[in-house]
Amino acid sequence: MREININGTKIRPGQKVNIEIPIAKLPSHTLIDLPIFIRSSKVDGPVVLISGGVHGDEINGIVTARRILEEIDAGLKLLKGTVIIIPLVNIYGFLSNSRTFPDGRDLNRSFPGSKKGSLAGRIAHILSEEIIPLIDYGIDFHTGGRMLSNQPQVRVDFKDKTSKELAEVFGTYYVVNSKVIDKSFRKAAKSAGKYILVFEGGESMRIDETSIEEGVLGTKRILHHFGMIDIAPERRDSIILKESSWIRARSSGIFNASVKLGDHVKKGQVLARISDPYGAVKIPVKSPSNGYVIGINNLPVINAGEALIHLGKEE
């Protein structure tokens, strides 16, 4: 049985341990800790990380991770292995309803980080040094941005066959081909030989029960796949999207979509219209190809060049 040691705390087989790693202090000198919850079986097995709130305003991911923790503590028995749950990674962003840190840095562009770097870099360093070396797999929960909604989807690089197979096991609506971004959490894990799935669902600063439920169900399928729990929801066949791109506004104005998340659209189909405030001008937004609407801008007033509709193309 491998030894799990986080920040000097040893976790023995079968233990439930909660750890708080000191990060820094607010300007008020209030200490900020990073809470980590470890639930271990008495039988050796995979170590799976479940994380949310890498972007502090992405509340769905925080709630999803918390619900998984609650289910385990309420009796969802681990047959083998260990689950490490970090519901809220970016506490600073959460406190300020912000995606980033007070200095504007994005944690998901700050890996591997530094012990003496920026706030984002210091948390990235903790994850890189204390968490990534321990895990075998991970699920990192995200949402769309402000006023941007995502249909539940798992993003993986299709060149990584293991991750793609796990994404299909997860079994949400879509599996989207997405290259690994430099200095991201996923890139840091990949460099260490670990596999992290990125789940996207809903919109930041909003609770979306469908996305949360999809995240919980998919996580259970993954844990069942590894033999860590004895039952799991029936697996859904995901739609595999080989590529995706945003349709952008050719003109500024009032944006009114005529499609919704999950719709299958055809090349040339009118997806939305952009009008001026007085109704004199109406510009159609047409689909450049067949595909699925996997993301949509909910902002009614847009400027030229803004992302409007995220379209995914089937494999």
C-alpha atoms as a PDB file:
ATOM      1  CA  MET A   1       0.000   0.000   0.000  1.00  0.00           C
ATOM      2  CA  ARG A   2       1.542   3.295  -1.083  1.00  0.00           C
ATOM      3  CA  GLU A   3       2.015   5.995   1.533  1.00  0.00           C
ATOM      4  CA  ILE A   4       0.116   9.244   1.099  1.00  0.00           C
ATOM      5  CA  ASN A   5       1.703  12.238   2.774  1.00  0.00           C
ATOM      6  CA  ILE A   6       0.357  15.748   2.239  1.00  0.00           C
ATOM      7  CA  ASN A   7       2.142  18.688   3.815  1.00  0.00           C
ATOM      8  CA  GLY A   8       3.611  16.447   6.500  1.00  0.00           C
ATOM      9  CA  THR A   9       0.347  14.654   7.322  1.00  0.00           C
ATOM     10  CA  LYS A  10       0.372  10.897   6.725  1.00  0.00           C
ATOM     11  CA  ILE A  11      -2.855   9.256   5.611  1.00  0.00           C
ATOM     12  CA  ARG A  12      -3.127   5.597   6.534  1.00  0.00           C
ATOM     13  CA  PRO A  13      -5.271   3.011   4.702  1.00  0.00           C
ATOM     14  CA  GLY A  14      -8.947   3.374   5.570  1.00  0.00           C
ATOM     15  CA  GLN A  15      -8.607   6.860   7.058  1.00  0.00           C
ATOM     16  CA  LYS A  16     -10.727   9.966   6.500  1.00  0.00           C
ATOM     17  CA  VAL A  17      -8.486  12.992   6.900  1.00  0.00           C
ATOM     18  CA  ASN A  18      -9.113  16.716   6.419  1.00  0.00           C
ATOM     19  CA  ILE A  19      -6.059  18.910   5.914  1.00  0.00           C
ATOM     20  CA  GLU A  20      -5.740  22.688   5.777  1.00  0.00           C
ATOM     21  CA  ILE A  21      -2.586  23.973   4.110  1.00  0.00           C
ATOM     22  CA  PRO A  22      -1.741  27.608   5.018  1.00  0.00           C
ATOM     23  CA  ILE A  23      -1.367  29.732   1.889  1.00  0.00           C
ATOM     24  CA  ALA A  24      -1.067  33.392   2.849  1.00  0.00           C
ATOM     25  CA  LYS A  25      -2.863  36.193   4.658  1.00  0.00           C
ATOM     26  CA  LEU A  26      -5.404  38.698   3.417  1.00  0.00           C
ATOM     27  CA  PRO A  27      -4.460  42.392   3.812  1.00  0.00           C
ATOM     28  CA  SER A  28      -6.508  42.223   7.035  1.00  0.00           C
ATOM     29  CA  HIS A  29      -4.066  39.510   8.228  1.00  0.00           C
ATOM     30  CA  THR A  30      -6.811  36.879   8.119  1.00  0.00           C
ATOM     31  CA  LEU A  31      -5.107  33.555   7.400  1.00  0.00           C
ATOM     32  CA  ILE A  32      -6.170  31.759   4.218  1.00  0.00           C
ATOM     33  CA  ASP A  33      -5.955  27.949   4.165  1.00  0.00           C
ATOM     34  CA  LEU A  34      -6.457  25.444   1.364  1.00  0.00           C
ATOM     35  CA  PRO A  35      -8.803  22.688   2.660  1.00  0.00           C
ATOM     36  CA  ILE A  36      -8.107  19.200   1.277  1.00  0.00           C
ATOM     37  CA  PHE A  37     -10.254  16.151   2.026  1.00  0.00           C
ATOM     38  CA  ILE A  38      -8.769  12.650   1.753  1.00  0.00           C
ATOM     39  CA  ARG A  39     -10.899   9.518   1.831  1.00  0.00           C
ATOM     40  CA  SER A  40      -8.908   6.297   1.709  1.00  0.00           C
ATOM     41  CA  SER A  41      -9.873   2.623   1.469  1.00  0.00           C
ATOM     42  CA  LYS A  42      -8.084  -0.113   3.354  1.00  0.00           C
ATOM     43  CA  VAL A  43      -7.328  -1.756  -0.010  1.00  0.00           C
ATOM     44  CA  ASP A  44      -4.654  -0.390  -2.329  1.00  0.00           C
ATOM     45  CA  GLY A  45      -5.845   1.128  -5.589  1.00  0.00           C
ATOM     46  CA  PRO A  46      -5.812   4.254  -7.764  1.00  0.00           C
ATOM     47  CA  VAL A  47      -5.571   7.734  -6.296  1.00  0.00           C
ATOM     48  CA  VAL A  48      -8.132  10.039  -7.912  1.00  0.00           C
ATOM     49  CA  LEU A  49      -8.218  13.817  -7.503  1.00  0.00           C
ATOM     50  CA  ILE A  50     -11.530  15.706  -7.698  1.00  0.00           C
ATOM     51  CA  SER A  51     -11.072  19.481  -7.842  1.00  0.00           C
ATOM     52  CA  GLY A  52     -13.265  22.529  -8.324  1.00  0.00           C
ATOM     53  CA  GLY A  53     -12.929  26.273  -8.138  1.00  0.00           C
ATOM     54  CA  VAL A  54      -9.586  26.623  -9.930  1.00  0.00           C
ATOM     55  CA  HIS A  55     -11.358  29.719 -11.200  1.00  0.00           C
ATOM     56  CA  GLY A  56     -12.975  31.260  -8.132  1.00  0.00           C
ATOM     57  CA  ASP A  57     -16.226  32.301  -9.803  1.00  0.00           C
ATOM     58  CA  GLU A  58     -17.000  28.837 -11.221  1.00  0.00           C
ATOM     59  CA  ILE A  59     -19.427  27.772  -8.519  1.00  0.00           C
ATOM     60  CA  ASN A  60     -20.832  24.667 -10.234  1.00  0.00           C
ATOM     61  CA  GLY A  61     -17.495  22.880  -9.918  1.00  0.00           C
ATOM     62  CA  ILE A  62     -17.249  23.725  -6.224  1.00  0.00           C
ATOM     63  CA  VAL A  63     -20.730  22.342  -5.568  1.00  0.00           C
ATOM     64  CA  THR A  64     -20.033  19.221  -7.655  1.00  0.00           C
ATOM     65  CA  ALA A  65     -16.881  18.353  -5.712  1.00  0.00           C
ATOM     66  CA  ARG A  66     -18.653  19.033  -2.425  1.00  0.00           C
ATOM     67  CA  ARG A  67     -21.560  16.739  -3.312  1.00  0.00           C
ATOM     68  CA  ILE A  68     -19.195  13.910  -4.198  1.00  0.00           C
ATOM     69  CA  LEU A  69     -17.505  14.370  -0.809  1.00  0.00           C
ATOM     70  CA  GLU A  70     -20.903  14.381   0.921  1.00  0.00           C
ATOM     71  CA  GLU A  71     -21.932  11.140  -0.802  1.00  0.00           C
ATOM     72  CA  ILE A  72     -18.716   9.396   0.221  1.00  0.00           C
ATOM     73  CA  ASP A  73     -19.116  10.562   3.816  1.00  0.00           C
ATOM     74  CA  ALA A  74     -22.788   9.543   3.780  1.00  0.00           C
ATOM     75  CA  GLY A  75     -22.000   5.949   2.890  1.00  0.00           C
ATOM     76  CA  LEU A  76     -20.701   5.641  -0.680  1.00  0.00           C
ATOM     77  CA  LYS A  77     -18.145   2.978   0.230  1.00  0.00           C
ATOM     78  CA  LEU A  78     -14.675   3.016  -1.313  1.00  0.00           C
ATOM     79  CA  LEU A  79     -13.720  -0.569  -2.116  1.00  0.00           C
ATOM     80  CA  LYS A  80     -10.138   0.345  -2.926  1.00  0.00           C
ATOM     81  CA  GLY A  81      -7.892   3.298  -3.592  1.00  0.00           C
ATOM     82  CA  THR A  82      -8.043   6.893  -2.403  1.00  0.00           C
ATOM     83  CA  VAL A  83     -10.013   9.971  -3.362  1.00  0.00           C
ATOM     84  CA  ILE A  84      -8.500  13.415  -2.789  1.00  0.00           C
ATOM     85  CA  ILE A  85     -11.103  16.180  -2.989  1.00  0.00           C
ATOM     86  CA  ILE A  86     -10.339  19.898  -3.193  1.00  0.00           C
ATOM     87  CA  PRO A  87     -13.711  21.620  -3.669  1.00  0.00           C
ATOM     88  CA  LEU A  88     -12.306  25.159  -3.746  1.00  0.00           C
ATOM     89  CA  VAL A  89      -8.797  25.703  -5.064  1.00  0.00           C
ATOM     90  CA  ASN A  90      -8.884  29.461  -5.725  1.00  0.00           C
ATOM     91  CA  ILE A  91     -10.180  30.843  -2.439  1.00  0.00           C
ATOM     92  CA  TYR A  92      -9.119  34.390  -3.304  1.00  0.00           C
ATOM     93  CA  GLY A  93     -11.202  34.409  -6.482  1.00  0.00           C
ATOM     94  CA  PHE A  94     -14.154  32.908  -4.619  1.00  0.00           C
ATOM     95  CA  LEU A  95     -14.078  35.684  -2.006  1.00  0.00           C
ATOM     96  CA  SER A  96     -14.062  38.393  -4.686  1.00  0.00           C
ATOM     97  CA  ASN A  97     -16.449  36.669  -7.161  1.00  0.00           C
ATOM     98  CA  SER A  98     -13.571  36.652  -9.612  1.00  0.00           C
ATOM     99  CA  ARG A  99     -12.025  34.159 -12.014  1.00  0.00           C
ATOM    100  CA  THR A 100      -8.538  35.318 -11.104  1.00  0.00           C
ATOM    101  CA  PHE A 101      -6.435  36.392  -8.132  1.00  0.00           C
ATOM    102  CA  PRO A 102      -6.232  39.951  -6.749  1.00  0.00           C
ATOM    103  CA  ASP A 103      -3.269  40.661  -9.038  1.00  0.00           C
ATOM    104  CA  GLY A 104      -5.225  39.477 -12.091  1.00  0.00           C
ATOM    105  CA  ARG A 105      -3.318  36.213 -12.520  1.00  0.00           C
ATOM    106  CA  ASP A 106      -5.097  33.076 -13.715  1.00  0.00           C
ATOM    107  CA  LEU A 107      -4.212  30.018 -11.625  1.00  0.00           C
ATOM    108  CA  ASN A 108      -4.768  27.773 -14.641  1.00  0.00           C
ATOM    109  CA  ARG A 109      -1.964  29.614 -16.454  1.00  0.00           C
ATOM    110  CA  SER A 110       0.453  29.621 -13.507  1.00  0.00           C
ATOM    111  CA  PHE A 111       1.754  26.034 -13.275  1.00  0.00           C
ATOM    112  CA  PRO A 112       4.084  24.657 -12.055  1.00  0.00           C
ATOM    113  CA  GLY A 113       4.305  27.761  -9.911  1.00  0.00           C
ATOM    114  CA  SER A 114       6.849  28.867  -7.342  1.00  0.00           C
ATOM    115  CA  LYS A 115       7.100  28.812  -3.554  1.00  0.00           C
ATOM    116  CA  LYS A 116       7.993  32.510  -3.534  1.00  0.00           C
ATOM    117  CA  GLY A 117       6.011  33.626  -6.577  1.00  0.00           C
ATOM    118  CA  SER A 118       2.643  35.326  -6.996  1.00  0.00           C
ATOM    119  CA  LEU A 119      -0.382  34.114  -5.029  1.00  0.00           C
ATOM    120  CA  ALA A 120      -1.509  32.064  -8.031  1.00  0.00           C
ATOM    121  CA  GLY A 121       2.008  30.703  -8.456  1.00  0.00           C
ATOM    122  CA  ARG A 122       2.184  29.680  -4.792  1.00  0.00           C
ATOM    123  CA  ILE A 123      -1.047  27.672  -4.969  1.00  0.00           C
ATOM    124  CA  ALA A 124       0.073  26.148  -8.271  1.00  0.00           C
ATOM    125  CA  HIS A 125       3.308  25.175  -6.513  1.00  0.00           C
ATOM    126  CA  ILE A 126       1.390  23.474  -3.684  1.00  0.00           C
ATOM    127  CA  LEU A 127      -0.654  21.460  -6.178  1.00  0.00           C
ATOM    128  CA  SER A 128       2.440  20.618  -8.233  1.00  0.00           C
ATOM    129  CA  GLU A 129       4.504  19.508  -5.237  1.00  0.00           C
ATOM    130  CA  GLU A 130       1.953  18.098  -2.790  1.00  0.00           C
ATOM    131  CA  ILE A 131      -0.905  16.730  -4.910  1.00  0.00           C
ATOM    132  CA  ILE A 132       0.096  15.865  -8.497  1.00  0.00           C
ATOM    133  CA  PRO A 133       2.882  13.425  -7.451  1.00  0.00           C
ATOM    134  CA  LEU A 134       0.340  11.425  -5.380  1.00  0.00           C
ATOM    135  CA  ILE A 135      -2.447  10.984  -7.908  1.00  0.00           C
ATOM    136  CA  ASP A 136      -2.981   8.680 -10.860  1.00  0.00           C
ATOM    137  CA  TYR A 137      -6.014  10.429 -12.335  1.00  0.00           C
ATOM    138  CA  GLY A 138      -8.019  13.587 -11.791  1.00  0.00           C
ATOM    139  CA  ILE A 139     -11.251  15.337 -12.729  1.00  0.00           C
ATOM    140  CA  ASP A 140     -11.091  19.132 -12.717  1.00  0.00           C
ATOM    141  CA  PHE A 141     -14.505  20.829 -12.778  1.00  0.00           C
ATOM    142  CA  HIS A 142     -15.047  24.107 -14.633  1.00  0.00           C
ATOM    143  CA  THR A 143     -17.855  26.224 -16.091  1.00  0.00           C
ATOM    144  CA  GLY A 144     -18.151  28.724 -18.911  1.00  0.00           C
ATOM    145  CA  GLY A 145     -17.152  32.333 -18.279  1.00  0.00           C
ATOM    146  CA  ARG A 146     -19.313  35.284 -17.313  1.00  0.00           C
ATOM    147  CA  MET A 147     -22.505  35.143 -19.392  1.00  0.00           C
ATOM    148  CA  LEU A 148     -21.083  32.142 -21.316  1.00  0.00           C
ATOM    149  CA  SER A 149     -22.884  28.812 -20.795  1.00  0.00           C
ATOM    150  CA  ASN A 150     -21.414  25.426 -21.672  1.00  0.00           C
ATOM    151  CA  GLN A 151     -23.363  22.263 -22.355  1.00  0.00           C
ATOM    152  CA  PRO A 152     -21.828  19.543 -20.118  1.00  0.00           C
ATOM    153  CA  GLN A 153     -18.685  18.286 -21.840  1.00  0.00           C
ATOM    154  CA  VAL A 154     -15.315  16.710 -21.099  1.00  0.00           C
ATOM    155  CA  ARG A 155     -12.271  18.167 -22.806  1.00  0.00           C
ATOM    156  CA  VAL A 156      -9.244  16.009 -23.575  1.00  0.00           C
ATOM    157  CA  ASP A 157      -6.481  15.874 -26.140  1.00  0.00           C
ATOM    158  CA  PHE A 158      -7.475  13.072 -28.527  1.00  0.00           C
ATOM    159  CA  LYS A 159      -3.778  12.235 -28.981  1.00  0.00           C
ATOM    160  CA  ASP A 160      -3.895  11.018 -25.374  1.00  0.00           C
ATOM    161  CA  LYS A 161      -5.742   7.724 -25.853  1.00  0.00           C
ATOM    162  CA  THR A 162      -6.031   6.974 -22.129  1.00  0.00           C
ATOM    163  CA  SER A 163      -7.687  10.310 -21.382  1.00  0.00           C
ATOM    164  CA  LYS A 164     -10.030   9.976 -24.339  1.00  0.00           C
ATOM    165  CA  GLU A 165     -11.138   6.519 -23.177  1.00  0.00           C
ATOM    166  CA  LEU A 166     -11.724   7.840 -19.653  1.00  0.00           C
ATOM    167  CA  ALA A 167     -13.717  10.775 -21.044  1.00  0.00           C
ATOM    168  CA  GLU A 168     -16.010   8.293 -22.781  1.00  0.00           C
ATOM    169  CA  VAL A 169     -16.344   6.344 -19.529  1.00  0.00           C
ATOM    170  CA  PHE A 170     -17.315   9.605 -17.787  1.00  0.00           C
ATOM    171  CA  GLY A 171     -20.262   9.638 -20.170  1.00  0.00           C
ATOM    172  CA  THR A 172     -21.567  13.193 -20.327  1.00  0.00           C
ATOM    173  CA  TYR A 173     -23.109  14.832 -23.407  1.00  0.00           C
ATOM    174  CA  TYR A 174     -19.906  15.582 -25.338  1.00  0.00           C
ATOM    175  CA  VAL A 175     -16.247  14.649 -25.484  1.00  0.00           C
ATOM    176  CA  VAL A 176     -14.374  17.550 -27.089  1.00  0.00           C
ATOM    177  CA  ASN A 177     -10.896  17.441 -28.613  1.00  0.00           C
ATOM    178  CA  SER A 178      -8.915  20.124 -26.782  1.00  0.00           C
ATOM    179  CA  LYS A 179      -5.152  20.579 -26.885  1.00  0.00           C
ATOM    180  CA  VAL A 180      -3.312  20.898 -23.583  1.00  0.00           C
ATOM    181  CA  ILE A 181      -2.711  24.558 -22.737  1.00  0.00           C
ATOM    182  CA  ASP A 182       0.741  25.637 -21.626  1.00  0.00           C
ATOM    183  CA  LYS A 183       1.132  26.321 -17.874  1.00  0.00           C
ATOM    184  CA  SER A 184      -2.275  24.773 -17.124  1.00  0.00           C
ATOM    185  CA  PHE A 185      -3.114  22.311 -14.352  1.00  0.00           C
ATOM    186  CA  ARG A 186      -3.703  19.635 -16.986  1.00  0.00           C
ATOM    187  CA  LYS A 187      -0.306  20.332 -18.588  1.00  0.00           C
ATOM    188  CA  ALA A 188       1.470  20.056 -15.229  1.00  0.00           C
ATOM    189  CA  ALA A 189      -0.238  16.723 -14.564  1.00  0.00           C
ATOM    190  CA  LYS A 190       0.571  15.427 -18.043  1.00  0.00           C
ATOM    191  CA  SER A 191       4.240  16.359 -17.588  1.00  0.00           C
ATOM    192  CA  ALA A 192       4.227  14.198 -14.453  1.00  0.00           C
ATOM    193  CA  GLY A 193       2.639  11.263 -16.304  1.00  0.00           C
ATOM    194  CA  LYS A 194      -0.807  11.756 -14.754  1.00  0.00           C
ATOM    195  CA  TYR A 195      -4.215  12.030 -16.446  1.00  0.00           C
ATOM    196  CA  ILE A 196      -6.680  14.847 -15.724  1.00  0.00           C
ATOM    197  CA  LEU A 197     -10.076  15.241 -17.370  1.00  0.00           C
ATOM    198  CA  VAL A 198     -11.456  18.780 -17.656  1.00  0.00           C
ATOM    199  CA  PHE A 199     -15.232  18.947 -17.240  1.00  0.00           C
ATOM    200  CA  GLU A 200     -17.082  22.062 -18.422  1.00  0.00           C
ATOM    201  CA  GLY A 201     -20.712  22.757 -17.645  1.00  0.00           C
ATOM    202  CA  GLY A 202     -22.944  25.755 -17.021  1.00  0.00           C
ATOM    203  CA  GLU A 203     -21.919  29.363 -16.450  1.00  0.00           C
ATOM    204  CA  SER A 204     -19.786  31.089 -13.845  1.00  0.00           C
ATOM    205  CA  MET A 205     -21.543  32.655 -10.851  1.00  0.00           C
ATOM    206  CA  ARG A 206     -24.664  30.552 -11.447  1.00  0.00           C
ATOM    207  CA  ILE A 207     -25.832  27.217 -10.060  1.00  0.00           C
ATOM    208  CA  ASP A 208     -26.765  24.808 -12.851  1.00  0.00           C
ATOM    209  CA  GLU A 209     -28.244  21.591 -11.470  1.00  0.00           C
ATOM    210  CA  THR A 210     -27.959  19.718 -14.778  1.00  0.00           C
ATOM    211  CA  SER A 211     -24.214  20.357 -14.967  1.00  0.00           C
ATOM    212  CA  ILE A 212     -23.695  19.482 -11.302  1.00  0.00           C
ATOM    213  CA  GLU A 213     -25.650  16.236 -11.652  1.00  0.00           C
ATOM    214  CA  GLU A 214     -23.711  15.328 -14.810  1.00  0.00           C
ATOM    215  CA  GLY A 215     -20.471  15.920 -12.931  1.00  0.00           C
ATOM    216  CA  VAL A 216     -21.485  13.697 -10.009  1.00  0.00           C
ATOM    217  CA  LEU A 217     -22.772  10.893 -12.255  1.00  0.00           C
ATOM    218  CA  GLY A 218     -19.681  10.979 -14.459  1.00  0.00           C
ATOM    219  CA  THR A 219     -17.360  10.851 -11.452  1.00  0.00           C
ATOM    220  CA  LYS A 220     -19.175   7.781 -10.155  1.00  0.00           C
ATOM    221  CA  ARG A 221     -18.720   6.088 -13.536  1.00  0.00           C
ATOM    222  CA  ILE A 222     -14.990   6.796 -13.380  1.00  0.00           C
ATOM    223  CA  LEU A 223     -14.655   5.458  -9.828  1.00  0.00           C
ATOM    224  CA  HIS A 224     -16.655   2.371 -10.783  1.00  0.00           C
ATOM    225  CA  HIS A 225     -14.471   1.877 -13.867  1.00  0.00           C
ATOM    226  CA  PHE A 226     -11.440   1.658 -11.547  1.00  0.00           C
ATOM    227  CA  GLY A 227     -13.252  -0.721  -9.192  1.00  0.00           C
ATOM    228  CA  MET A 228     -13.323   1.878  -6.422  1.00  0.00           C
ATOM    229  CA  ILE A 229     -17.117   1.750  -5.904  1.00  0.00           C
ATOM    230  CA  ASP A 230     -19.490  -1.143  -6.551  1.00  0.00           C
ATOM    231  CA  ILE A 231     -22.325   0.596  -8.421  1.00  0.00           C
ATOM    232  CA  ALA A 232     -22.531   3.394 -10.961  1.00  0.00           C
ATOM    233  CA  PRO A 233     -25.140   5.094 -13.165  1.00  0.00           C
ATOM    234  CA  GLU A 234     -25.763   3.606 -16.573  1.00  0.00           C
ATOM    235  CA  ARG A 235     -23.208   4.829 -19.066  1.00  0.00           C
ATOM    236  CA  ARG A 236     -24.274   7.286 -21.757  1.00  0.00           C
ATOM    237  CA  ASP A 237     -22.721   7.259 -25.224  1.00  0.00           C
ATOM    238  CA  SER A 238     -21.122  10.672 -25.568  1.00  0.00           C
ATOM    239  CA  ILE A 239     -21.043  12.538 -28.858  1.00  0.00           C
ATOM    240  CA  ILE A 240     -17.408  12.771 -29.940  1.00  0.00           C
ATOM    241  CA  LEU A 241     -16.419  16.175 -31.314  1.00  0.00           C
ATOM    242  CA  LYS A 242     -13.139  16.229 -33.235  1.00  0.00           C
ATOM    243  CA  GLU A 243     -12.917  20.016 -33.218  1.00  0.00           C
ATOM    244  CA  SER A 244     -14.748  23.105 -32.014  1.00  0.00           C
ATOM    245  CA  SER A 245     -14.681  26.818 -32.687  1.00  0.00           C
ATOM    246  CA  TRP A 246     -16.530  29.974 -31.690  1.00  0.00           C
ATOM    247  CA  ILE A 247     -18.678  31.865 -34.168  1.00  0.00           C
ATOM    248  CA  ARG A 248     -17.911  35.552 -33.627  1.00  0.00           C
ATOM    249  CA  ALA A 249     -19.970  38.668 -34.174  1.00  0.00           C
ATOM    250  CA  ARG A 250     -19.424  40.496 -37.455  1.00  0.00           C
ATOM    251  CA  SER A 251     -21.178  43.560 -36.084  1.00  0.00           C
ATOM    252  CA  SER A 252     -22.080  45.155 -32.758  1.00  0.00           C
ATOM    253  CA  GLY A 253     -25.661  45.271 -31.530  1.00  0.00           C
ATOM    254  CA  ILE A 254     -28.350  43.298 -29.706  1.00  0.00           C
ATOM    255  CA  PHE A 255     -27.720  39.552 -29.902  1.00  0.00           C
ATOM    256  CA  ASN A 256     -30.754  37.264 -30.047  1.00  0.00           C
ATOM    257  CA  ALA A 257     -30.036  33.545 -30.433  1.00  0.00           C
ATOM    258  CA  SER A 258     -32.595  31.243 -32.040  1.00  0.00           C
ATOM    259  CA  VAL A 259     -30.798  28.046 -30.956  1.00  0.00           C
ATOM    260  CA  LYS A 260     -30.061  26.615 -27.527  1.00  0.00           C
ATOM    261  CA  LEU A 261     -27.378  24.456 -25.944  1.00  0.00           C
ATOM    262  CA  GLY A 262     -27.309  20.946 -27.343  1.00  0.00           C
ATOM    263  CA  ASP A 263     -28.984  21.773 -30.650  1.00  0.00           C
ATOM    264  CA  HIS A 264     -27.701  20.058 -33.767  1.00  0.00           C
ATOM    265  CA  VAL A 265     -27.391  22.620 -36.555  1.00  0.00           C
ATOM    266  CA  LYS A 266     -26.681  22.495 -40.276  1.00  0.00           C
ATOM    267  CA  LYS A 267     -24.359  24.520 -42.458  1.00  0.00           C
ATOM    268  CA  GLY A 268     -25.988  27.792 -43.469  1.00  0.00           C
ATOM    269  CA  GLN A 269     -28.665  27.626 -40.764  1.00  0.00           C
ATOM    270  CA  VAL A 270     -29.499  30.954 -39.116  1.00  0.00           C
ATOM    271  CA  LEU A 271     -28.476  30.585 -35.467  1.00  0.00           C
ATOM    272  CA  ALA A 272     -29.107  34.123 -34.266  1.00  0.00           C
ATOM    273  CA  ARG A 273     -29.606  37.709 -35.348  1.00  0.00           C
ATOM    274  CA  ILE A 274     -27.813  40.906 -34.409  1.00  0.00           C
ATOM    275  CA  SER A 275     -29.881  44.068 -34.596  1.00  0.00           C
ATOM    276  CA  ASP A 276     -29.484  47.725 -33.788  1.00  0.00           C
ATOM    277  CA  PRO A 277     -31.568  49.118 -30.889  1.00  0.00           C
ATOM    278  CA  TYR A 278     -34.127  50.580 -33.285  1.00  0.00           C
ATOM    279  CA  GLY A 279     -34.879  47.582 -35.501  1.00  0.00           C
ATOM    280  CA  ALA A 280     -33.567  49.149 -38.696  1.00  0.00           C
ATOM    281  CA  VAL A 281     -30.712  46.633 -39.110  1.00  0.00           C
ATOM    282  CA  LYS A 282     -30.893  42.858 -38.630  1.00  0.00           C
ATOM    283  CA  ILE A 283     -27.819  40.780 -39.399  1.00  0.00           C
ATOM    284  CA  PRO A 284     -28.181  36.976 -39.466  1.00  0.00           C
ATOM    285  CA  VAL A 285     -25.580  34.775 -37.813  1.00  0.00           C
ATOM    286  CA  LYS A 286     -25.236  31.619 -39.910  1.00  0.00           C
ATOM    287  CA  SER A 287     -23.577  28.320 -39.082  1.00  0.00           C
ATOM    288  CA  PRO A 288     -20.353  27.748 -41.063  1.00  0.00           C
ATOM    289  CA  SER A 289     -20.793  23.958 -40.853  1.00  0.00           C
ATOM    290  CA  ASN A 290     -22.860  21.127 -39.434  1.00  0.00           C
ATOM    291  CA  GLY A 291     -22.345  20.667 -35.718  1.00  0.00           C
ATOM    292  CA  TYR A 292     -23.613  20.930 -32.145  1.00  0.00           C
ATOM    293  CA  VAL A 293     -24.115  24.022 -30.027  1.00  0.00           C
ATOM    294  CA  ILE A 294     -21.872  23.327 -27.005  1.00  0.00           C
ATOM    295  CA  GLY A 295     -21.532  26.894 -25.745  1.00  0.00           C
ATOM    296  CA  ILE A 296     -23.511  30.106 -26.044  1.00  0.00           C
ATOM    297  CA  ASN A 297     -23.140  33.752 -25.073  1.00  0.00           C
ATOM    298  CA  ASN A 298     -26.022  34.931 -22.879  1.00  0.00           C
ATOM    299  CA  LEU A 299     -25.023  38.595 -23.126  1.00  0.00           C
ATOM    300  CA  PRO A 300     -27.711  40.508 -25.036  1.00  0.00           C
ATOM    301  CA  VAL A 301     -25.531  43.470 -26.052  1.00  0.00           C
ATOM    302  CA  ILE A 302     -22.378  42.514 -27.915  1.00  0.00           C
ATOM    303  CA  ASN A 303     -19.514  44.127 -29.811  1.00  0.00           C
ATOM    304  CA  ALA A 304     -17.966  43.108 -33.104  1.00  0.00           C
ATOM    305  CA  GLY A 305     -15.560  40.204 -32.640  1.00  0.00           C
ATOM    306  CA  GLU A 306     -17.173  38.797 -29.492  1.00  0.00           C
ATOM    307  CA  ALA A 307     -17.703  35.039 -29.190  1.00  0.00           C
ATOM    308  CA  LEU A 308     -21.356  34.158 -29.738  1.00  0.00           C
ATOM    309  CA  ILE A 309     -21.855  30.433 -30.270  1.00  0.00           C
ATOM    310  CA  HIS A 310     -19.417  27.568 -29.669  1.00  0.00           C
ATOM    311  CA  LEU A 311     -19.877  24.958 -32.377  1.00  0.00           C
ATOM    312  CA  GLY A 312     -18.539  21.397 -32.110  1.00  0.00           C
ATOM    313  CA  LYS A 313     -17.985  19.174 -35.145  1.00  0.00           C
ATOM    314  CA  GLU A 314     -18.456  15.408 -34.951  1.00  0.00           C
ATOM    315  CA  GLU A 315     -15.648  12.895 -35.439  1.00  0.00           C
END
